[in-house]
Amino acid sequence: MNIHEYQAKELFAQFGVAVPKGVAVTSAAEFEGALAKIDTSGGIM
């Protein structure tokens, strides 16, 4: 099986495996929007 990291994270989360929260983006504009969704108060980005 050949899957991407984001797909593996979705599968793991469905089965209760802890995975880091994140958002996949493909442009600088999407990055700005994704930053607003991620809680950066307790970690390194």
N, C-alpha and C. Protein backbone atom coordinates (compact mmCIF):
# COMPACT_ATOMS: atom_id res chain seq x y z
N MET A 1 0.85 -1.17 0.00
CA MET A 1 0.00 0.00 0.00
C MET A 1 0.90 1.24 0.00
N ASN A 2 0.54 2.21 -0.80
CA ASN A 2 1.30 3.45 -0.88
C ASN A 2 0.35 4.61 -0.58
N ILE A 3 0.50 5.20 0.61
CA ILE A 3 -0.38 6.31 0.98
C ILE A 3 0.46 7.50 1.42
N HIS A 4 -0.14 8.66 1.37
CA HIS A 4 0.53 9.89 1.80
C HIS A 4 0.40 10.05 3.31
N GLU A 5 1.27 10.88 3.87
CA GLU A 5 1.27 11.10 5.32
C GLU A 5 -0.09 11.58 5.81
N TYR A 6 -0.70 12.54 5.11
CA TYR A 6 -1.98 13.06 5.58
C TYR A 6 -3.06 11.97 5.57
N GLN A 7 -2.97 11.03 4.65
CA GLN A 7 -3.93 9.93 4.61
C GLN A 7 -3.70 8.98 5.79
N ALA A 8 -2.45 8.73 6.10
CA ALA A 8 -2.13 7.86 7.22
C ALA A 8 -2.61 8.49 8.53
N LYS A 9 -2.43 9.79 8.67
CA LYS A 9 -2.89 10.47 9.88
C LYS A 9 -4.39 10.36 10.04
N GLU A 10 -5.13 10.49 8.95
CA GLU A 10 -6.59 10.35 9.01
C GLU A 10 -6.98 8.94 9.45
N LEU A 11 -6.31 7.93 8.90
CA LEU A 11 -6.61 6.55 9.29
C LEU A 11 -6.28 6.31 10.76
N PHE A 12 -5.12 6.75 11.20
CA PHE A 12 -4.74 6.58 12.60
C PHE A 12 -5.75 7.24 13.52
N ALA A 13 -6.15 8.47 13.21
CA ALA A 13 -7.10 9.20 14.04
C ALA A 13 -8.44 8.46 14.13
N GLN A 14 -8.88 7.86 13.04
CA GLN A 14 -10.13 7.10 13.04
C GLN A 14 -10.10 5.94 14.03
N PHE A 15 -8.91 5.40 14.26
CA PHE A 15 -8.78 4.25 15.15
C PHE A 15 -8.20 4.62 16.52
N GLY A 16 -8.24 5.92 16.84
CA GLY A 16 -7.86 6.36 18.18
C GLY A 16 -6.38 6.55 18.43
N VAL A 17 -5.57 6.50 17.40
CA VAL A 17 -4.13 6.73 17.57
C VAL A 17 -3.88 8.24 17.60
N ALA A 18 -3.11 8.68 18.59
CA ALA A 18 -2.81 10.11 18.70
C ALA A 18 -1.91 10.56 17.56
N VAL A 19 -2.30 11.61 16.86
CA VAL A 19 -1.51 12.16 15.77
C VAL A 19 -1.42 13.67 15.95
N PRO A 20 -0.31 14.28 15.54
CA PRO A 20 -0.20 15.73 15.63
C PRO A 20 -1.23 16.40 14.73
N LYS A 21 -1.77 17.50 15.21
CA LYS A 21 -2.73 18.24 14.40
C LYS A 21 -1.97 19.06 13.36
N GLY A 22 -2.53 19.15 12.18
CA GLY A 22 -1.90 19.91 11.11
C GLY A 22 -2.84 20.06 9.93
N VAL A 23 -2.44 20.87 9.00
CA VAL A 23 -3.26 21.13 7.82
C VAL A 23 -2.35 21.12 6.60
N ALA A 24 -2.76 20.44 5.56
CA ALA A 24 -1.99 20.43 4.31
C ALA A 24 -2.38 21.65 3.48
N VAL A 25 -1.39 22.36 2.95
CA VAL A 25 -1.65 23.54 2.11
C VAL A 25 -0.82 23.45 0.84
N THR A 26 -1.28 24.16 -0.19
CA THR A 26 -0.56 24.15 -1.46
C THR A 26 -0.18 25.55 -1.94
N SER A 27 -0.50 26.57 -1.14
CA SER A 27 -0.14 27.93 -1.54
C SER A 27 0.07 28.80 -0.30
N ALA A 28 0.69 29.94 -0.50
CA ALA A 28 0.92 30.88 0.60
C ALA A 28 -0.39 31.38 1.19
N ALA A 29 -1.39 31.58 0.35
CA ALA A 29 -2.69 32.05 0.84
C ALA A 29 -3.34 31.01 1.74
N GLU A 30 -3.25 29.75 1.36
CA GLU A 30 -3.80 28.68 2.19
C GLU A 30 -3.04 28.58 3.50
N PHE A 31 -1.75 28.84 3.47
CA PHE A 31 -0.93 28.79 4.68
C PHE A 31 -1.42 29.80 5.71
N GLU A 32 -1.71 31.01 5.27
CA GLU A 32 -2.21 32.05 6.19
C GLU A 32 -3.51 31.60 6.85
N GLY A 33 -4.41 31.02 6.08
CA GLY A 33 -5.67 30.53 6.63
C GLY A 33 -5.47 29.37 7.59
N ALA A 34 -4.52 28.49 7.27
CA ALA A 34 -4.25 27.34 8.11
C ALA A 34 -3.65 27.76 9.45
N LEU A 35 -2.82 28.78 9.46
CA LEU A 35 -2.23 29.26 10.70
C LEU A 35 -3.29 29.68 11.69
N ALA A 36 -4.35 30.29 11.20
CA ALA A 36 -5.42 30.75 12.08
C ALA A 36 -6.15 29.57 12.73
N LYS A 37 -6.12 28.40 12.12
CA LYS A 37 -6.84 27.23 12.63
C LYS A 37 -6.02 26.41 13.63
N ILE A 38 -4.70 26.58 13.63
CA ILE A 38 -3.83 25.76 14.45
C ILE A 38 -3.48 26.49 15.74
N ASP A 39 -3.63 25.80 16.89
CA ASP A 39 -3.27 26.37 18.18
C ASP A 39 -1.76 26.24 18.35
N THR A 40 -1.06 27.35 18.30
CA THR A 40 0.40 27.34 18.39
C THR A 40 0.89 27.75 19.78
N SER A 41 0.00 27.87 20.75
CA SER A 41 0.39 28.36 22.08
C SER A 41 1.24 27.37 22.85
N GLY A 42 1.13 26.08 22.56
CA GLY A 42 1.85 25.11 23.37
C GLY A 42 2.91 24.33 22.64
N GLY A 43 3.38 24.80 21.50
CA GLY A 43 4.35 23.99 20.78
C GLY A 43 5.22 24.81 19.87
N ILE A 44 6.01 24.08 19.13
CA ILE A 44 6.95 24.68 18.18
C ILE A 44 6.37 24.54 16.78
N MET A 45 6.51 25.56 15.99
CA MET A 45 5.99 25.50 14.64
C MET A 45 7.12 25.62 13.66
